Amino acid sequence: MITHFKQIRLKLEQSLETINKEEHDKLFAAKKSLVLIRDCCRQLSTLRVQCDFKTKEDEIYFFKELKCYYYSLLYYNQDIIEIHAGLPNGSQDLKVNFLKECLNKLHDHFINNKFLYTYYRIGSNENDHQYFSVIPKHDTKFDDQGRRMFCEDEFSCTYDYLFSRVISNDKLEKYLHREIMKLEETEMQPQVTAMLQRSKLEWTESKAALVELLYALYTSNCINNGKVDIKELVSSAKYIFPNMEISDHYRIFIK
């Protein structure tokens, strides 16, 4: 049974990858993905009713690695659709503020369910027998927001919906940060272009020497009291030295 479920998951992953490559419109891609994901969720439910688990490990794998995986994709694509459908028309600032409000909602969910986010992010499994085992019908479980509810079927464990939401939100948080960064970079582009045009400075040493200098500044904690990412320093360097384009600083530094 588990082997069959793994094959379904692999096929879904391949289909979703194809959609994301072919569809550049995020809203349309999410809608197409959602159709496939819902179908997989239905298959999962049907097969679960027809089959019994041979071992406790199979049971945990089913809920933690399969059901939570499918439902996390379900939640994620539903959220992508909702976000892009609700994204306001207007200035970049307006859009950025909207996306930041979405991040704040994720933060609230994190605060309320911090123990499960920690459990997921560190890859813990010590409580899997408690969190991801079948519970009897009418027993207590949790919905995707962490509220208590009654189990209404035999396709449930204590934290399946909530853990799925945790996985989804963790992915969605990264997505929102990327979208905000893109909008802010677009907003700054005219000023950046002007800065590049004004700068007459040229770096006349090797690219490796510039990268070493940037890493020295990064490790010395002398900028923003050490609260700066190496990517920010590399990005800022091109404004000062427009003749240098650094896109592979990690590889250069390792050499």
C-alpha atoms as a PDB file:
ATOM      1  CA  MET A   1       0.000   0.000   0.000  1.00  0.00           C
ATOM      2  CA  ILE A   2       2.719   2.482   0.977  1.00  0.00           C
ATOM      3  CA  THR A   3       4.621   1.754  -2.242  1.00  0.00           C
ATOM      4  CA  HIS A   4       1.517   2.605  -4.250  1.00  0.00           C
ATOM      5  CA  PHE A   5       1.088   5.865  -2.312  1.00  0.00           C
ATOM      6  CA  LYS A   6       4.719   6.776  -2.987  1.00  0.00           C
ATOM      7  CA  GLN A   7       4.152   6.280  -6.715  1.00  0.00           C
ATOM      8  CA  ILE A   8       1.128   8.605  -6.608  1.00  0.00           C
ATOM      9  CA  ARG A   9       3.195  11.242  -4.798  1.00  0.00           C
ATOM     10  CA  LEU A  10       6.053  10.971  -7.313  1.00  0.00           C
ATOM     11  CA  LYS A  11       3.646  11.362 -10.241  1.00  0.00           C
ATOM     12  CA  LEU A  12       2.053  14.407  -8.608  1.00  0.00           C
ATOM     13  CA  GLU A  13       5.441  16.045  -7.962  1.00  0.00           C
ATOM     14  CA  GLN A  14       6.400  15.584 -11.626  1.00  0.00           C
ATOM     15  CA  SER A  15       3.078  17.050 -12.802  1.00  0.00           C
ATOM     16  CA  LEU A  16       3.370  20.073 -10.495  1.00  0.00           C
ATOM     17  CA  GLU A  17       6.926  20.690 -11.668  1.00  0.00           C
ATOM     18  CA  THR A  18       5.729  20.677 -15.283  1.00  0.00           C
ATOM     19  CA  ILE A  19       2.942  23.147 -14.484  1.00  0.00           C
ATOM     20  CA  ASN A  20       5.342  25.542 -12.749  1.00  0.00           C
ATOM     21  CA  LYS A  21       7.732  25.410 -15.709  1.00  0.00           C
ATOM     22  CA  GLU A  22       5.051  25.970 -18.332  1.00  0.00           C
ATOM     23  CA  GLU A  23       2.783  28.454 -16.552  1.00  0.00           C
ATOM     24  CA  HIS A  24       4.375  31.803 -15.728  1.00  0.00           C
ATOM     25  CA  ASP A  25       1.139  33.210 -14.319  1.00  0.00           C
ATOM     26  CA  LYS A  26       1.239  32.188 -10.638  1.00  0.00           C
ATOM     27  CA  LEU A  27      -2.516  32.435 -10.171  1.00  0.00           C
ATOM     28  CA  PHE A  28      -3.268  30.202 -13.155  1.00  0.00           C
ATOM     29  CA  ALA A  29      -0.528  27.729 -12.168  1.00  0.00           C
ATOM     30  CA  ALA A  30      -1.962  27.447  -8.645  1.00  0.00           C
ATOM     31  CA  LYS A  31      -5.459  26.795 -10.026  1.00  0.00           C
ATOM     32  CA  LYS A  32      -4.185  24.019 -12.324  1.00  0.00           C
ATOM     33  CA  SER A  33      -2.135  22.523  -9.482  1.00  0.00           C
ATOM     34  CA  LEU A  34      -5.115  22.555  -7.152  1.00  0.00           C
ATOM     35  CA  VAL A  35      -7.145  20.325  -9.481  1.00  0.00           C
ATOM     36  CA  LEU A  36      -4.435  17.629  -9.396  1.00  0.00           C
ATOM     37  CA  ILE A  37      -3.871  17.925  -5.649  1.00  0.00           C
ATOM     38  CA  ARG A  38      -7.561  17.578  -4.798  1.00  0.00           C
ATOM     39  CA  ASP A  39      -7.759  14.466  -6.936  1.00  0.00           C
ATOM     40  CA  CYS A  40      -4.782  12.970  -5.061  1.00  0.00           C
ATOM     41  CA  CYS A  41      -6.416  13.786  -1.726  1.00  0.00           C
ATOM     42  CA  ARG A  42      -9.544  11.923  -2.838  1.00  0.00           C
ATOM     43  CA  GLN A  43      -7.454   8.941  -3.930  1.00  0.00           C
ATOM     44  CA  LEU A  44      -5.647   8.961  -0.605  1.00  0.00           C
ATOM     45  CA  SER A  45      -8.920   8.935   1.327  1.00  0.00           C
ATOM     46  CA  THR A  46     -10.403   6.121  -0.761  1.00  0.00           C
ATOM     47  CA  LEU A  47      -7.334   3.897  -0.555  1.00  0.00           C
ATOM     48  CA  ARG A  48      -7.052   4.438   3.186  1.00  0.00           C
ATOM     49  CA  VAL A  49     -10.585   3.095   3.718  1.00  0.00           C
ATOM     50  CA  GLN A  50      -9.779   0.025   1.626  1.00  0.00           C
ATOM     51  CA  CYS A  51      -6.444  -0.820   3.263  1.00  0.00           C
ATOM     52  CA  ASP A  52      -5.016  -1.518   6.709  1.00  0.00           C
ATOM     53  CA  PHE A  53      -1.533  -0.563   7.874  1.00  0.00           C
ATOM     54  CA  LYS A  54       0.868  -3.471   8.267  1.00  0.00           C
ATOM     55  CA  THR A  55       3.111  -1.700  10.780  1.00  0.00           C
ATOM     56  CA  LYS A  56       3.056   1.364  13.031  1.00  0.00           C
ATOM     57  CA  GLU A  57       5.801   2.859  10.835  1.00  0.00           C
ATOM     58  CA  ASP A  58       3.538   2.554   7.783  1.00  0.00           C
ATOM     59  CA  GLU A  59       0.780   4.309   9.688  1.00  0.00           C
ATOM     60  CA  ILE A  60       3.047   7.198  10.708  1.00  0.00           C
ATOM     61  CA  TYR A  61       4.472   7.459   7.190  1.00  0.00           C
ATOM     62  CA  PHE A  62       0.971   7.607   5.734  1.00  0.00           C
ATOM     63  CA  PHE A  63      -0.124  10.539   7.875  1.00  0.00           C
ATOM     64  CA  LYS A  64       3.121  12.479   8.270  1.00  0.00           C
ATOM     65  CA  GLU A  65       4.736  12.028   4.852  1.00  0.00           C
ATOM     66  CA  LEU A  66       1.702  11.507   2.608  1.00  0.00           C
ATOM     67  CA  LYS A  67      -1.499  13.000   3.972  1.00  0.00           C
ATOM     68  CA  CYS A  68       0.250  16.030   5.482  1.00  0.00           C
ATOM     69  CA  TYR A  69       2.234  16.459   2.268  1.00  0.00           C
ATOM     70  CA  TYR A  70      -0.892  16.500   0.072  1.00  0.00           C
ATOM     71  CA  TYR A  71      -2.843  18.762   2.371  1.00  0.00           C
ATOM     72  CA  SER A  72       0.068  21.160   2.769  1.00  0.00           C
ATOM     73  CA  LEU A  73       0.080  21.533  -1.035  1.00  0.00           C
ATOM     74  CA  LEU A  74      -3.676  22.000  -0.928  1.00  0.00           C
ATOM     75  CA  TYR A  75      -3.423  24.802   1.652  1.00  0.00           C
ATOM     76  CA  TYR A  76      -0.427  26.391  -0.069  1.00  0.00           C
ATOM     77  CA  ASN A  77      -2.060  26.660  -3.495  1.00  0.00           C
ATOM     78  CA  GLN A  78      -5.328  27.858  -1.997  1.00  0.00           C
ATOM     79  CA  ASP A  79      -3.384  30.609  -0.232  1.00  0.00           C
ATOM     80  CA  ILE A  80      -1.493  31.551  -3.415  1.00  0.00           C
ATOM     81  CA  ILE A  81      -4.820  31.921  -5.228  1.00  0.00           C
ATOM     82  CA  GLU A  82      -6.299  33.991  -2.406  1.00  0.00           C
ATOM     83  CA  ILE A  83      -3.231  36.246  -2.164  1.00  0.00           C
ATOM     84  CA  HIS A  84      -2.954  36.954  -5.881  1.00  0.00           C
ATOM     85  CA  ALA A  85      -6.699  37.378  -6.291  1.00  0.00           C
ATOM     86  CA  GLY A  86      -6.700  39.892  -3.424  1.00  0.00           C
ATOM     87  CA  LEU A  87      -3.491  41.725  -4.366  1.00  0.00           C
ATOM     88  CA  PRO A  88      -4.519  45.393  -4.710  1.00  0.00           C
ATOM     89  CA  ASN A  89      -4.021  47.391  -7.872  1.00  0.00           C
ATOM     90  CA  GLY A  90      -1.915  50.505  -7.457  1.00  0.00           C
ATOM     91  CA  SER A  91       1.557  51.343  -6.274  1.00  0.00           C
ATOM     92  CA  GLN A  92       4.294  48.882  -5.362  1.00  0.00           C
ATOM     93  CA  ASP A  93       4.101  50.149  -1.771  1.00  0.00           C
ATOM     94  CA  LEU A  94       0.436  49.199  -1.603  1.00  0.00           C
ATOM     95  CA  LYS A  95       1.205  45.687  -2.799  1.00  0.00           C
ATOM     96  CA  VAL A  96       4.161  45.325  -0.438  1.00  0.00           C
ATOM     97  CA  ASN A  97       2.020  46.381   2.534  1.00  0.00           C
ATOM     98  CA  PHE A  98      -0.632  43.833   1.547  1.00  0.00           C
ATOM     99  CA  LEU A  99       1.940  41.027   1.399  1.00  0.00           C
ATOM    100  CA  LYS A 100       3.405  42.110   4.739  1.00  0.00           C
ATOM    101  CA  GLU A 101      -0.058  41.836   6.275  1.00  0.00           C
ATOM    102  CA  CYS A 102      -0.181  38.271   4.965  1.00  0.00           C
ATOM    103  CA  LEU A 103       3.176  37.629   6.672  1.00  0.00           C
ATOM    104  CA  ASN A 104       1.794  38.986   9.936  1.00  0.00           C
ATOM    105  CA  LYS A 105      -1.026  36.435   9.808  1.00  0.00           C
ATOM    106  CA  LEU A 106       1.536  33.672   9.370  1.00  0.00           C
ATOM    107  CA  HIS A 107       3.441  35.035  12.355  1.00  0.00           C
ATOM    108  CA  ASP A 108       0.288  34.868  14.499  1.00  0.00           C
ATOM    109  CA  HIS A 109      -0.187  31.219  13.528  1.00  0.00           C
ATOM    110  CA  PHE A 110       3.451  30.537  14.418  1.00  0.00           C
ATOM    111  CA  ILE A 111       3.064  32.105  17.867  1.00  0.00           C
ATOM    112  CA  ASN A 112      -0.054  30.055  18.582  1.00  0.00           C
ATOM    113  CA  ASN A 113       1.494  26.761  17.419  1.00  0.00           C
ATOM    114  CA  LYS A 114       5.186  27.302  18.041  1.00  0.00           C
ATOM    115  CA  PHE A 115       5.778  23.794  19.412  1.00  0.00           C
ATOM    116  CA  LEU A 116       4.662  22.182  16.149  1.00  0.00           C
ATOM    117  CA  TYR A 117       6.648  24.580  13.942  1.00  0.00           C
ATOM    118  CA  THR A 118       9.728  23.735  15.998  1.00  0.00           C
ATOM    119  CA  TYR A 119       8.947  20.026  15.693  1.00  0.00           C
ATOM    120  CA  TYR A 120       8.701  20.344  11.910  1.00  0.00           C
ATOM    121  CA  ARG A 121      11.699  22.623  11.341  1.00  0.00           C
ATOM    122  CA  ILE A 122      14.163  20.538  13.332  1.00  0.00           C
ATOM    123  CA  GLY A 123      12.882  17.343  11.709  1.00  0.00           C
ATOM    124  CA  SER A 124      11.892  15.777  15.015  1.00  0.00           C
ATOM    125  CA  ASN A 125      10.190  12.360  15.191  1.00  0.00           C
ATOM    126  CA  GLU A 126      10.160  11.580  18.905  1.00  0.00           C
ATOM    127  CA  ASN A 127       6.399  12.207  19.228  1.00  0.00           C
ATOM    128  CA  ASP A 128       5.351  10.742  15.892  1.00  0.00           C
ATOM    129  CA  HIS A 129       3.524   7.823  17.536  1.00  0.00           C
ATOM    130  CA  GLN A 130       1.399  10.328  19.414  1.00  0.00           C
ATOM    131  CA  TYR A 131       0.929  12.905  16.646  1.00  0.00           C
ATOM    132  CA  PHE A 132       0.506  10.679  13.569  1.00  0.00           C
ATOM    133  CA  SER A 133      -1.419   7.584  14.627  1.00  0.00           C
ATOM    134  CA  VAL A 134      -5.012   6.780  13.701  1.00  0.00           C
ATOM    135  CA  ILE A 135      -7.500   8.117  16.237  1.00  0.00           C
ATOM    136  CA  PRO A 136     -11.006   6.686  16.785  1.00  0.00           C
ATOM    137  CA  LYS A 137     -14.009   8.329  15.214  1.00  0.00           C
ATOM    138  CA  HIS A 138     -15.473  11.071  17.480  1.00  0.00           C
ATOM    139  CA  ASP A 139     -12.146  11.508  19.285  1.00  0.00           C
ATOM    140  CA  THR A 140     -10.574  14.987  19.620  1.00  0.00           C
ATOM    141  CA  LYS A 141      -8.190  16.332  16.973  1.00  0.00           C
ATOM    142  CA  PHE A 142      -7.120  19.788  15.757  1.00  0.00           C
ATOM    143  CA  ASP A 143      -8.087  21.752  12.668  1.00  0.00           C
ATOM    144  CA  ASP A 144      -5.549  23.662  10.551  1.00  0.00           C
ATOM    145  CA  GLN A 145      -5.710  26.682  12.891  1.00  0.00           C
ATOM    146  CA  GLY A 146      -5.080  24.679  16.060  1.00  0.00           C
ATOM    147  CA  ARG A 147      -8.679  24.636  17.309  1.00  0.00           C
ATOM    148  CA  ARG A 148     -10.074  21.466  18.871  1.00  0.00           C
ATOM    149  CA  MET A 149     -12.585  19.542  16.792  1.00  0.00           C
ATOM    150  CA  PHE A 150     -14.169  16.095  16.691  1.00  0.00           C
ATOM    151  CA  CYS A 151     -12.843  13.446  14.349  1.00  0.00           C
ATOM    152  CA  GLU A 152     -15.590  12.504  11.890  1.00  0.00           C
ATOM    153  CA  ASP A 153     -13.906   9.702   9.935  1.00  0.00           C
ATOM    154  CA  GLU A 154     -11.230   6.989  10.092  1.00  0.00           C
ATOM    155  CA  PHE A 155      -8.897   9.023   7.903  1.00  0.00           C
ATOM    156  CA  SER A 156      -7.513  11.133  10.754  1.00  0.00           C
ATOM    157  CA  CYS A 157      -4.743  11.537  13.289  1.00  0.00           C
ATOM    158  CA  THR A 158      -4.383  14.174  15.997  1.00  0.00           C
ATOM    159  CA  TYR A 159      -2.310  16.733  14.085  1.00  0.00           C
ATOM    160  CA  ASP A 160      -2.770  15.939  10.380  1.00  0.00           C
ATOM    161  CA  TYR A 161      -4.524  19.201   9.422  1.00  0.00           C
ATOM    162  CA  LEU A 162      -2.501  21.426  11.729  1.00  0.00           C
ATOM    163  CA  PHE A 163       0.827  19.884  10.714  1.00  0.00           C
ATOM    164  CA  SER A 164      -0.167  20.300   7.062  1.00  0.00           C
ATOM    165  CA  ARG A 165      -0.821  23.983   7.717  1.00  0.00           C
ATOM    166  CA  VAL A 166       2.572  24.316   9.422  1.00  0.00           C
ATOM    167  CA  ILE A 167       4.337  22.869   6.354  1.00  0.00           C
ATOM    168  CA  SER A 168       2.289  25.089   4.035  1.00  0.00           C
ATOM    169  CA  ASN A 169       2.910  28.263   6.049  1.00  0.00           C
ATOM    170  CA  ASP A 170       6.633  27.585   6.240  1.00  0.00           C
ATOM    171  CA  LYS A 171       6.745  27.416   2.443  1.00  0.00           C
ATOM    172  CA  LEU A 172       4.378  30.364   2.035  1.00  0.00           C
ATOM    173  CA  GLU A 173       6.533  32.553   4.296  1.00  0.00           C
ATOM    174  CA  LYS A 174       9.532  32.061   2.002  1.00  0.00           C
ATOM    175  CA  TYR A 175       7.368  32.782  -1.028  1.00  0.00           C
ATOM    176  CA  LEU A 176       6.026  36.048   0.428  1.00  0.00           C
ATOM    177  CA  HIS A 177       9.528  37.238   1.323  1.00  0.00           C
ATOM    178  CA  ARG A 178      10.649  36.598  -2.270  1.00  0.00           C
ATOM    179  CA  GLU A 179       7.651  38.467  -3.701  1.00  0.00           C
ATOM    180  CA  ILE A 180       8.194  41.429  -1.381  1.00  0.00           C
ATOM    181  CA  MET A 181      11.865  41.580  -2.350  1.00  0.00           C
ATOM    182  CA  LYS A 182      10.972  41.566  -6.064  1.00  0.00           C
ATOM    183  CA  LEU A 183       8.485  44.417  -5.616  1.00  0.00           C
ATOM    184  CA  GLU A 184      10.933  46.464  -3.553  1.00  0.00           C
ATOM    185  CA  GLU A 185      13.688  45.920  -6.118  1.00  0.00           C
ATOM    186  CA  THR A 186      11.328  47.022  -8.895  1.00  0.00           C
ATOM    187  CA  GLU A 187      10.422  50.123  -6.895  1.00  0.00           C
ATOM    188  CA  MET A 188      14.107  50.927  -6.361  1.00  0.00           C
ATOM    189  CA  GLN A 189      15.171  50.213  -9.938  1.00  0.00           C
ATOM    190  CA  PRO A 190      15.031  53.842 -11.220  1.00  0.00           C
ATOM    191  CA  GLN A 191      17.170  55.007  -8.279  1.00  0.00           C
ATOM    192  CA  VAL A 192      19.550  52.097  -8.739  1.00  0.00           C
ATOM    193  CA  THR A 193      19.912  52.897 -12.431  1.00  0.00           C
ATOM    194  CA  ALA A 194      20.667  56.511 -11.579  1.00  0.00           C
ATOM    195  CA  MET A 195      23.254  55.453  -8.991  1.00  0.00           C
ATOM    196  CA  LEU A 196      24.947  53.151 -11.488  1.00  0.00           C
ATOM    197  CA  GLN A 197      25.058  55.900 -14.067  1.00  0.00           C
ATOM    198  CA  ARG A 198      26.567  58.369 -11.582  1.00  0.00           C
ATOM    199  CA  SER A 199      29.229  56.092 -10.135  1.00  0.00           C
ATOM    200  CA  LYS A 200      32.618  56.502 -11.819  1.00  0.00           C
ATOM    201  CA  LEU A 201      34.439  54.098  -9.518  1.00  0.00           C
ATOM    202  CA  GLU A 202      35.968  50.971 -11.000  1.00  0.00           C
ATOM    203  CA  TRP A 203      37.278  47.909  -9.213  1.00  0.00           C
ATOM    204  CA  THR A 204      40.683  47.226 -10.728  1.00  0.00           C
ATOM    205  CA  GLU A 205      41.638  44.111  -8.760  1.00  0.00           C
ATOM    206  CA  SER A 206      40.302  40.591  -9.313  1.00  0.00           C
ATOM    207  CA  LYS A 207      36.721  39.571  -8.579  1.00  0.00           C
ATOM    208  CA  ALA A 208      38.056  37.178  -5.934  1.00  0.00           C
ATOM    209  CA  ALA A 209      39.791  40.063  -4.147  1.00  0.00           C
ATOM    210  CA  LEU A 210      36.511  42.013  -3.991  1.00  0.00           C
ATOM    211  CA  VAL A 211      34.652  38.983  -2.646  1.00  0.00           C
ATOM    212  CA  GLU A 212      37.328  38.496   0.036  1.00  0.00           C
ATOM    213  CA  LEU A 213      36.928  42.149   1.046  1.00  0.00           C
ATOM    214  CA  LEU A 214      33.153  41.789   1.292  1.00  0.00           C
ATOM    215  CA  TYR A 215      33.486  38.638   3.419  1.00  0.00           C
ATOM    216  CA  ALA A 216      35.963  40.466   5.678  1.00  0.00           C
ATOM    217  CA  LEU A 217      33.405  43.243   6.185  1.00  0.00           C
ATOM    218  CA  TYR A 218      30.710  40.635   6.807  1.00  0.00           C
ATOM    219  CA  THR A 219      32.669  38.688   9.445  1.00  0.00           C
ATOM    220  CA  SER A 220      33.932  41.814  11.229  1.00  0.00           C
ATOM    221  CA  ASN A 221      30.347  42.813  12.212  1.00  0.00           C
ATOM    222  CA  CYS A 222      31.197  46.418  11.414  1.00  0.00           C
ATOM    223  CA  ILE A 223      28.088  47.064   9.289  1.00  0.00           C
ATOM    224  CA  ASN A 224      24.653  47.338  10.943  1.00  0.00           C
ATOM    225  CA  ASN A 225      26.206  45.847  14.093  1.00  0.00           C
ATOM    226  CA  GLY A 226      26.654  42.566  12.252  1.00  0.00           C
ATOM    227  CA  LYS A 227      22.991  42.343  11.249  1.00  0.00           C
ATOM    228  CA  VAL A 228      23.573  42.174   7.514  1.00  0.00           C
ATOM    229  CA  ASP A 229      23.474  39.275   5.073  1.00  0.00           C
ATOM    230  CA  ILE A 230      26.409  38.590   2.767  1.00  0.00           C
ATOM    231  CA  LYS A 231      23.978  38.756  -0.181  1.00  0.00           C
ATOM    232  CA  GLU A 232      23.138  42.356   0.761  1.00  0.00           C
ATOM    233  CA  LEU A 233      26.811  43.325   0.750  1.00  0.00           C
ATOM    234  CA  VAL A 234      27.379  41.661  -2.612  1.00  0.00           C
ATOM    235  CA  SER A 235      24.304  43.387  -4.032  1.00  0.00           C
ATOM    236  CA  SER A 236      25.431  46.778  -2.679  1.00  0.00           C
ATOM    237  CA  ALA A 237      28.903  46.369  -4.183  1.00  0.00           C
ATOM    238  CA  LYS A 238      27.565  46.624  -7.721  1.00  0.00           C
ATOM    239  CA  TYR A 239      26.229  50.117  -6.948  1.00  0.00           C
ATOM    240  CA  ILE A 240      29.696  51.258  -5.873  1.00  0.00           C
ATOM    241  CA  PHE A 241      31.593  49.365  -8.582  1.00  0.00           C
ATOM    242  CA  PRO A 242      29.211  49.054 -11.558  1.00  0.00           C
ATOM    243  CA  ASN A 243      31.936  47.404 -13.628  1.00  0.00           C
ATOM    244  CA  MET A 244      31.786  44.296 -11.395  1.00  0.00           C
ATOM    245  CA  GLU A 245      28.994  41.716 -11.528  1.00  0.00           C
ATOM    246  CA  ILE A 246      29.199  39.101  -8.751  1.00  0.00           C
ATOM    247  CA  SER A 247      26.721  36.249  -9.064  1.00  0.00           C
ATOM    248  CA  ASP A 248      28.747  33.335  -7.690  1.00  0.00           C
ATOM    249  CA  HIS A 249      30.327  34.752  -4.518  1.00  0.00           C
ATOM    250  CA  TYR A 250      30.033  31.480  -2.546  1.00  0.00           C
ATOM    251  CA  ARG A 251      31.949  29.520  -5.161  1.00  0.00           C
ATOM    252  CA  ILE A 252      34.571  32.243  -5.546  1.00  0.00           C
ATOM    253  CA  PHE A 253      35.149  32.397  -1.793  1.00  0.00           C
ATOM    254  CA  ILE A 254      35.516  28.601  -1.522  1.00  0.00           C
ATOM    255  CA  LYS A 255      38.183  28.651  -4.234  1.00  0.00           C
END
